[in-house]
Amino acid sequence: MFEKCWILHCTFLLGLFFQTTVSREKFAIEPTNQVVKVGEEATIPCRIVNHDGDVQWTRNGFGLGFGRDLEAFLRYKIIGSREEGDWSLRIQDVRLEDEGEFQCQVGGVGHLPPMKSRKGNLTVYLEPDPPEILQELMQSLGIYAWDLL
């Protein structure tokens, strides 16, 4: 009888331990909206507490790859310390086609379900060229300022 109670007690404590330590897997920092000029660098944050599953980033719902190496995307790099749970995404030499919705995801392991961060939008803009006065071109076409009034 004593052994059964002891086993039940240990099982309860073990369950309580796993529930309080393992199930606290969560996002400490999630992606944020960013506005970046073409050619600059963008860093989209993601920090995960107590994670065990594989981590991946998605852009517009498309998986960029698991782990820290994104071999198919040479300008994309996971930065930060794995020990600290930092899986921030750095995009170097940002281009217009990098614009989109980014999300950090953690695959499920054992009894832990997969997790998805909130989504962060990356907006990329192209700085306009300075204005030009086209007076000579307009005159060569026979267009004068008073014609435009």
N, C-alpha and C. Protein backbone atom coordinates (compact mmCIF):
# COMPACT_ATOMS: atom_id res chain seq x y z
N MET A 1 0.83 -1.21 0.00
CA MET A 1 0.00 0.00 0.00
C MET A 1 0.87 1.26 0.00
N PHE A 2 1.89 1.24 0.84
CA PHE A 2 2.78 2.39 0.91
C PHE A 2 3.47 2.63 -0.43
N GLU A 3 3.88 1.54 -1.09
CA GLU A 3 4.56 1.66 -2.39
C GLU A 3 3.64 2.28 -3.43
N LYS A 4 2.36 1.88 -3.44
CA LYS A 4 1.41 2.44 -4.41
C LYS A 4 1.24 3.94 -4.19
N CYS A 5 1.11 4.35 -2.94
CA CYS A 5 0.96 5.77 -2.63
C CYS A 5 2.22 6.54 -3.02
N TRP A 6 3.37 5.95 -2.75
CA TRP A 6 4.62 6.60 -3.09
C TRP A 6 4.77 6.75 -4.59
N ILE A 7 4.42 5.72 -5.34
CA ILE A 7 4.49 5.77 -6.80
C ILE A 7 3.53 6.81 -7.34
N LEU A 8 2.30 6.83 -6.82
CA LEU A 8 1.32 7.83 -7.26
C LEU A 8 1.81 9.25 -6.95
N HIS A 9 2.38 9.40 -5.75
CA HIS A 9 2.90 10.71 -5.36
C HIS A 9 4.03 11.15 -6.29
N CYS A 10 4.96 10.23 -6.59
CA CYS A 10 6.08 10.55 -7.50
C CYS A 10 5.56 10.86 -8.90
N THR A 11 4.59 10.09 -9.35
CA THR A 11 4.01 10.33 -10.68
C THR A 11 3.37 11.71 -10.73
N PHE A 12 2.65 12.05 -9.69
CA PHE A 12 2.01 13.37 -9.61
C PHE A 12 3.05 14.48 -9.64
N LEU A 13 4.11 14.32 -8.84
CA LEU A 13 5.17 15.34 -8.80
C LEU A 13 5.88 15.45 -10.14
N LEU A 14 6.13 14.32 -10.78
CA LEU A 14 6.76 14.33 -12.09
C LEU A 14 5.88 15.04 -13.11
N GLY A 15 4.60 14.74 -13.09
CA GLY A 15 3.66 15.40 -14.00
C GLY A 15 3.62 16.89 -13.74
N LEU A 16 3.61 17.28 -12.48
CA LEU A 16 3.61 18.69 -12.11
C LEU A 16 4.89 19.37 -12.60
N PHE A 17 6.02 18.67 -12.43
CA PHE A 17 7.31 19.20 -12.89
C PHE A 17 7.29 19.45 -14.40
N PHE A 18 6.87 18.45 -15.16
CA PHE A 18 6.84 18.60 -16.62
C PHE A 18 5.83 19.65 -17.05
N GLN A 19 4.73 19.75 -16.36
CA GLN A 19 3.72 20.73 -16.73
C GLN A 19 4.23 22.14 -16.49
N THR A 20 4.99 22.35 -15.41
CA THR A 20 5.43 23.70 -15.10
C THR A 20 6.72 24.09 -15.80
N THR A 21 7.58 23.12 -16.16
CA THR A 21 8.83 23.49 -16.80
C THR A 21 8.76 23.35 -18.30
N VAL A 22 8.34 22.23 -18.79
CA VAL A 22 8.37 21.98 -20.22
C VAL A 22 7.29 22.75 -20.95
N SER A 23 6.12 22.86 -20.37
CA SER A 23 5.02 23.48 -21.09
C SER A 23 5.12 25.00 -21.12
N ARG A 24 6.15 25.57 -20.53
CA ARG A 24 6.30 27.02 -20.57
C ARG A 24 7.01 27.48 -21.84
N GLU A 25 7.04 26.62 -22.84
CA GLU A 25 7.61 27.01 -24.12
C GLU A 25 6.75 28.15 -24.68
N LYS A 26 7.40 29.26 -25.00
CA LYS A 26 6.64 30.41 -25.49
C LYS A 26 7.57 31.38 -26.21
N PHE A 27 6.96 32.30 -26.91
CA PHE A 27 7.71 33.36 -27.58
C PHE A 27 7.93 34.50 -26.59
N ALA A 28 9.19 34.84 -26.37
CA ALA A 28 9.51 35.98 -25.51
C ALA A 28 9.50 37.27 -26.34
N ILE A 29 9.97 37.18 -27.59
CA ILE A 29 9.97 38.30 -28.52
C ILE A 29 9.46 37.79 -29.85
N GLU A 30 8.50 38.49 -30.44
CA GLU A 30 7.91 38.07 -31.71
C GLU A 30 8.20 39.09 -32.81
N PRO A 31 8.04 38.66 -34.06
CA PRO A 31 8.30 39.58 -35.18
C PRO A 31 7.47 40.86 -35.08
N THR A 32 8.07 41.94 -35.57
CA THR A 32 7.39 43.23 -35.58
C THR A 32 7.37 43.75 -37.01
N ASN A 33 6.49 44.69 -37.28
CA ASN A 33 6.45 45.31 -38.60
C ASN A 33 7.68 46.19 -38.78
N GLN A 34 8.23 46.14 -40.00
CA GLN A 34 9.44 46.89 -40.30
C GLN A 34 9.27 47.62 -41.64
N VAL A 35 9.87 48.78 -41.76
CA VAL A 35 9.92 49.51 -43.03
C VAL A 35 11.39 49.75 -43.32
N VAL A 36 11.85 49.26 -44.48
CA VAL A 36 13.27 49.30 -44.82
C VAL A 36 13.45 49.78 -46.25
N LYS A 37 14.50 50.56 -46.47
CA LYS A 37 14.83 51.04 -47.81
C LYS A 37 15.62 49.97 -48.55
N VAL A 38 15.40 49.87 -49.85
CA VAL A 38 16.15 48.93 -50.69
C VAL A 38 17.64 49.11 -50.44
N GLY A 39 18.36 47.99 -50.28
CA GLY A 39 19.80 48.02 -50.06
C GLY A 39 20.20 48.01 -48.60
N GLU A 40 19.27 48.33 -47.71
CA GLU A 40 19.59 48.32 -46.28
C GLU A 40 19.47 46.90 -45.73
N GLU A 41 19.67 46.79 -44.42
CA GLU A 41 19.58 45.52 -43.71
C GLU A 41 18.35 45.53 -42.82
N ALA A 42 17.64 44.40 -42.76
CA ALA A 42 16.48 44.27 -41.88
C ALA A 42 16.73 43.14 -40.89
N THR A 43 16.33 43.35 -39.64
CA THR A 43 16.40 42.29 -38.64
C THR A 43 15.01 42.12 -38.04
N ILE A 44 14.47 40.92 -38.21
CA ILE A 44 13.13 40.61 -37.70
C ILE A 44 13.32 39.73 -36.46
N PRO A 45 12.90 40.20 -35.29
CA PRO A 45 13.21 39.49 -34.05
C PRO A 45 12.35 38.26 -33.81
N CYS A 46 12.96 37.28 -33.13
CA CYS A 46 12.24 36.10 -32.64
C CYS A 46 13.07 35.48 -31.53
N ARG A 47 12.52 35.44 -30.33
CA ARG A 47 13.20 34.80 -29.20
C ARG A 47 12.20 33.84 -28.54
N ILE A 48 12.67 32.62 -28.30
CA ILE A 48 11.81 31.55 -27.80
C ILE A 48 12.35 31.04 -26.47
N VAL A 49 11.48 30.90 -25.49
CA VAL A 49 11.85 30.40 -24.17
C VAL A 49 11.51 28.91 -24.10
N ASN A 50 12.45 28.11 -23.62
CA ASN A 50 12.25 26.67 -23.37
C ASN A 50 11.78 25.89 -24.60
N HIS A 51 12.37 26.14 -25.73
CA HIS A 51 11.91 25.41 -26.92
C HIS A 51 12.76 24.17 -27.18
N ASP A 52 12.12 23.14 -27.70
CA ASP A 52 12.80 21.90 -28.07
C ASP A 52 12.65 21.60 -29.55
N GLY A 53 11.59 22.08 -30.16
CA GLY A 53 11.29 21.75 -31.55
C GLY A 53 12.18 22.50 -32.54
N ASP A 54 12.13 22.05 -33.78
CA ASP A 54 12.85 22.71 -34.86
C ASP A 54 12.22 24.06 -35.14
N VAL A 55 13.06 25.05 -35.44
CA VAL A 55 12.58 26.41 -35.70
C VAL A 55 12.70 26.68 -37.20
N GLN A 56 11.69 27.35 -37.73
CA GLN A 56 11.76 27.80 -39.12
C GLN A 56 11.09 29.16 -39.24
N TRP A 57 11.50 29.88 -40.27
CA TRP A 57 10.87 31.13 -40.64
C TRP A 57 10.04 30.89 -41.89
N THR A 58 8.94 31.65 -42.01
CA THR A 58 8.16 31.63 -43.24
C THR A 58 8.04 33.06 -43.76
N ARG A 59 7.94 33.17 -45.09
CA ARG A 59 7.64 34.45 -45.73
C ARG A 59 6.43 34.21 -46.61
N ASN A 60 5.35 34.95 -46.33
CA ASN A 60 4.08 34.79 -47.07
C ASN A 60 3.62 33.34 -47.05
N GLY A 61 3.83 32.66 -45.91
CA GLY A 61 3.37 31.28 -45.74
C GLY A 61 4.31 30.23 -46.30
N PHE A 62 5.39 30.63 -46.96
CA PHE A 62 6.34 29.69 -47.56
C PHE A 62 7.51 29.48 -46.60
N GLY A 63 7.79 28.21 -46.25
CA GLY A 63 8.89 27.90 -45.35
C GLY A 63 10.24 28.20 -45.96
N LEU A 64 11.08 28.91 -45.21
CA LEU A 64 12.41 29.27 -45.70
C LEU A 64 13.45 28.22 -45.36
N GLY A 65 13.11 27.29 -44.47
CA GLY A 65 14.04 26.23 -44.07
C GLY A 65 14.10 26.10 -42.56
N PHE A 66 14.51 24.91 -42.11
CA PHE A 66 14.61 24.65 -40.67
C PHE A 66 16.03 24.91 -40.20
N GLY A 67 16.15 25.26 -38.94
CA GLY A 67 17.47 25.46 -38.35
C GLY A 67 18.02 26.84 -38.65
N ARG A 68 19.33 26.97 -38.39
CA ARG A 68 19.98 28.27 -38.49
C ARG A 68 20.56 28.55 -39.88
N ASP A 69 20.68 27.52 -40.71
CA ASP A 69 21.24 27.70 -42.05
C ASP A 69 20.13 27.72 -43.09
N LEU A 70 20.01 28.84 -43.77
CA LEU A 70 19.00 28.98 -44.82
C LEU A 70 19.72 29.00 -46.16
N GLU A 71 20.19 27.84 -46.57
CA GLU A 71 21.07 27.72 -47.74
C GLU A 71 20.45 28.23 -49.04
N ALA A 72 19.15 28.14 -49.17
CA ALA A 72 18.49 28.57 -50.41
C ALA A 72 18.31 30.09 -50.47
N PHE A 73 18.57 30.77 -49.36
CA PHE A 73 18.39 32.22 -49.28
C PHE A 73 19.69 32.84 -48.76
N LEU A 74 20.59 33.12 -49.65
CA LEU A 74 21.95 33.52 -49.28
C LEU A 74 22.01 34.84 -48.51
N ARG A 75 21.07 35.74 -48.73
CA ARG A 75 21.06 37.02 -48.02
C ARG A 75 20.35 36.95 -46.69
N TYR A 76 19.73 35.80 -46.39
CA TYR A 76 19.00 35.60 -45.14
C TYR A 76 19.87 34.81 -44.17
N LYS A 77 19.88 35.24 -42.91
CA LYS A 77 20.70 34.58 -41.91
C LYS A 77 20.02 34.62 -40.55
N ILE A 78 20.04 33.50 -39.84
CA ILE A 78 19.55 33.47 -38.46
C ILE A 78 20.68 33.96 -37.58
N ILE A 79 20.40 34.95 -36.75
CA ILE A 79 21.44 35.51 -35.89
C ILE A 79 21.04 35.31 -34.43
N GLY A 80 21.97 35.57 -33.55
CA GLY A 80 21.71 35.45 -32.12
C GLY A 80 22.15 34.10 -31.58
N SER A 81 22.03 33.95 -30.29
CA SER A 81 22.50 32.77 -29.59
C SER A 81 21.40 31.72 -29.44
N ARG A 82 21.71 30.51 -29.85
CA ARG A 82 20.77 29.39 -29.68
C ARG A 82 20.48 29.17 -28.18
N GLU A 83 21.52 29.29 -27.36
CA GLU A 83 21.37 29.09 -25.92
C GLU A 83 20.37 30.08 -25.31
N GLU A 84 20.31 31.29 -25.88
CA GLU A 84 19.38 32.31 -25.39
C GLU A 84 18.03 32.23 -26.10
N GLY A 85 17.91 31.28 -27.04
CA GLY A 85 16.65 31.12 -27.76
C GLY A 85 16.42 32.19 -28.81
N ASP A 86 17.50 32.85 -29.25
CA ASP A 86 17.38 33.93 -30.22
C ASP A 86 17.46 33.37 -31.63
N TRP A 87 16.38 33.52 -32.39
CA TRP A 87 16.27 33.03 -33.76
C TRP A 87 15.90 34.18 -34.70
N SER A 88 16.42 35.36 -34.42
CA SER A 88 16.11 36.54 -35.23
C SER A 88 16.62 36.35 -36.65
N LEU A 89 15.87 36.89 -37.59
CA LEU A 89 16.19 36.76 -39.01
C LEU A 89 16.78 38.07 -39.53
N ARG A 90 17.98 37.99 -40.09
CA ARG A 90 18.61 39.17 -40.68
C ARG A 90 18.59 39.00 -42.20
N ILE A 91 18.14 40.05 -42.89
CA ILE A 91 18.14 40.07 -44.34
C ILE A 91 19.09 41.16 -44.77
N GLN A 92 20.13 40.78 -45.50
CA GLN A 92 21.12 41.74 -45.97
C GLN A 92 20.75 42.21 -47.37
N ASP A 93 21.13 43.44 -47.69
CA ASP A 93 20.89 44.02 -49.01
C ASP A 93 19.43 43.79 -49.45
N VAL A 94 18.52 44.33 -48.66
CA VAL A 94 17.08 44.12 -48.89
C VAL A 94 16.67 44.55 -50.29
N ARG A 95 15.83 43.73 -50.91
CA ARG A 95 15.30 44.01 -52.25
C ARG A 95 13.79 44.10 -52.19
N LEU A 96 13.20 44.66 -53.23
CA LEU A 96 11.73 44.79 -53.26
C LEU A 96 11.04 43.45 -53.10
N GLU A 97 11.61 42.38 -53.66
CA GLU A 97 10.96 41.06 -53.57
C GLU A 97 11.03 40.44 -52.18
N ASP A 98 11.78 41.06 -51.25
CA ASP A 98 11.81 40.58 -49.86
C ASP A 98 10.57 41.02 -49.09
N GLU A 99 9.84 41.96 -49.61
CA GLU A 99 8.65 42.47 -48.93
C GLU A 99 7.66 41.33 -48.70
N GLY A 100 7.05 41.32 -47.52
CA GLY A 100 6.05 40.30 -47.23
C GLY A 100 5.80 40.12 -45.75
N GLU A 101 5.09 39.04 -45.45
CA GLU A 101 4.68 38.71 -44.09
C GLU A 101 5.57 37.60 -43.56
N PHE A 102 6.27 37.86 -42.45
CA PHE A 102 7.22 36.91 -41.88
C PHE A 102 6.68 36.35 -40.56
N GLN A 103 6.97 35.06 -40.34
CA GLN A 103 6.52 34.40 -39.12
C GLN A 103 7.58 33.40 -38.66
N CYS A 104 7.80 33.34 -37.37
CA CYS A 104 8.72 32.39 -36.74
C CYS A 104 7.87 31.23 -36.21
N GLN A 105 8.30 30.00 -36.50
CA GLN A 105 7.52 28.82 -36.10
C GLN A 105 8.41 27.80 -35.40
N VAL A 106 7.82 27.08 -34.45
CA VAL A 106 8.52 26.02 -33.73
C VAL A 106 7.72 24.73 -33.90
N GLY A 107 8.39 23.68 -34.37
CA GLY A 107 7.74 22.39 -34.56
C GLY A 107 7.43 21.73 -33.22
N GLY A 108 6.38 20.93 -33.18
CA GLY A 108 5.99 20.22 -31.97
C GLY A 108 6.95 19.07 -31.69
N VAL A 109 7.12 18.78 -30.39
CA VAL A 109 7.95 17.67 -29.96
C VAL A 109 7.22 16.94 -28.83
N GLY A 110 7.09 15.63 -28.97
CA GLY A 110 6.42 14.85 -27.94
C GLY A 110 5.00 15.35 -27.70
N HIS A 111 4.72 15.72 -26.47
CA HIS A 111 3.38 16.22 -26.14
C HIS A 111 3.22 17.72 -26.38
N LEU A 112 4.31 18.39 -26.77
CA LEU A 112 4.23 19.83 -27.01
C LEU A 112 3.74 20.12 -28.43
N PRO A 113 2.72 20.93 -28.57
CA PRO A 113 2.20 21.25 -29.92
C PRO A 113 3.12 22.25 -30.62
N PRO A 114 3.03 22.34 -31.94
CA PRO A 114 3.80 23.37 -32.65
C PRO A 114 3.30 24.77 -32.27
N MET A 115 4.18 25.75 -32.43
CA MET A 115 3.82 27.13 -32.10
C MET A 115 4.12 28.03 -33.29
N LYS A 116 3.30 29.06 -33.45
CA LYS A 116 3.53 30.07 -34.48
C LYS A 116 3.50 31.44 -33.80
N SER A 117 4.48 32.26 -34.14
CA SER A 117 4.52 33.62 -33.61
C SER A 117 3.46 34.46 -34.31
N ARG A 118 3.28 35.67 -33.81
CA ARG A 118 2.46 36.61 -34.58
C ARG A 118 3.25 36.96 -35.85
N LYS A 119 2.60 37.50 -36.83
CA LYS A 119 3.24 37.82 -38.10
C LYS A 119 3.73 39.26 -38.09
N GLY A 120 4.85 39.46 -38.73
CA GLY A 120 5.41 40.81 -38.89
C GLY A 120 5.56 41.11 -40.37
N ASN A 121 5.15 42.29 -40.77
CA ASN A 121 5.24 42.69 -42.18
C ASN A 121 6.53 43.46 -42.43
N LEU A 122 7.21 43.07 -43.49
CA LEU A 122 8.37 43.81 -43.95
C LEU A 122 7.93 44.61 -45.17
N THR A 123 8.03 45.93 -45.05
CA THR A 123 7.69 46.82 -46.16
C THR A 123 9.00 47.39 -46.69
N VAL A 124 9.21 47.25 -47.99
CA VAL A 124 10.44 47.71 -48.62
C VAL A 124 10.09 48.86 -49.56
N TYR A 125 10.85 49.96 -49.47
CA TYR A 125 10.58 51.09 -50.35
C TYR A 125 11.84 51.48 -51.12
N LEU A 126 11.62 52.08 -52.24
CA LEU A 126 12.69 52.56 -53.11
C LEU A 126 12.70 54.07 -53.01
N GLU A 127 13.83 54.61 -52.61
CA GLU A 127 13.91 56.07 -52.49
C GLU A 127 13.82 56.69 -53.87
N PRO A 128 12.96 57.70 -54.05
CA PRO A 128 12.79 58.29 -55.38
C PRO A 128 14.02 59.09 -55.80
N ASP A 129 14.20 59.21 -57.11
CA ASP A 129 15.26 60.06 -57.65
C ASP A 129 14.86 61.51 -57.44
N PRO A 130 15.84 62.41 -57.36
CA PRO A 130 15.49 63.83 -57.22
C PRO A 130 14.77 64.31 -58.48
N PRO A 131 13.90 65.29 -58.33
CA PRO A 131 13.14 65.78 -59.49
C PRO A 131 14.06 66.46 -60.51
N GLU A 132 13.65 66.39 -61.75
CA GLU A 132 14.42 67.04 -62.82
C GLU A 132 13.51 68.05 -63.53
N ILE A 133 14.09 69.16 -63.90
CA ILE A 133 13.35 70.16 -64.67
C ILE A 133 13.58 69.85 -66.14
N LEU A 134 12.51 69.63 -66.85
CA LEU A 134 12.59 69.21 -68.24
C LEU A 134 12.26 70.34 -69.20
N GLN A 135 12.69 71.55 -68.87
CA GLN A 135 12.34 72.72 -69.68
C GLN A 135 12.82 72.57 -71.12
N GLU A 136 14.07 72.15 -71.31
CA GLU A 136 14.59 72.02 -72.67
C GLU A 136 13.82 70.97 -73.46
N LEU A 137 13.50 69.84 -72.82
CA LEU A 137 12.75 68.79 -73.49
C LEU A 137 11.37 69.29 -73.87
N MET A 138 10.73 70.00 -72.96
CA MET A 138 9.39 70.51 -73.24
C MET A 138 9.43 71.53 -74.39
N GLN A 139 10.44 72.40 -74.40
CA GLN A 139 10.55 73.39 -75.48
C GLN A 139 10.81 72.72 -76.82
N SER A 140 11.62 71.65 -76.82
CA SER A 140 11.90 70.95 -78.07
C SER A 140 10.65 70.27 -78.62
N LEU A 141 9.70 69.97 -77.73
CA LEU A 141 8.43 69.37 -78.16
C LEU A 141 7.39 70.44 -78.46
N GLY A 142 7.78 71.71 -78.29
CA GLY A 142 6.86 72.81 -78.57
C GLY A 142 5.85 73.03 -77.46
N ILE A 143 6.19 72.59 -76.23
CA ILE A 143 5.30 72.78 -75.08
C ILE A 143 5.90 73.87 -74.21
N TYR A 144 5.08 74.88 -73.88
CA TYR A 144 5.53 75.98 -73.03
C TYR A 144 4.67 76.02 -71.79
N ALA A 145 5.24 76.59 -70.73
CA ALA A 145 4.56 76.63 -69.45
C ALA A 145 3.18 77.25 -69.55
N TRP A 146 3.02 78.32 -70.31
CA TRP A 146 1.70 78.96 -70.41
C TRP A 146 0.68 78.09 -71.12
N ASP A 147 1.18 77.07 -71.87
CA ASP A 147 0.25 76.12 -72.50
C ASP A 147 -0.38 75.17 -71.48
N LEU A 148 0.29 75.03 -70.35
CA LEU A 148 -0.16 74.08 -69.33
C LEU A 148 -1.15 74.69 -68.35
N LEU A 149 -1.32 76.01 -68.42
CA LEU A 149 -2.22 76.69 -67.47
C LEU A 149 -3.65 76.53 -67.83
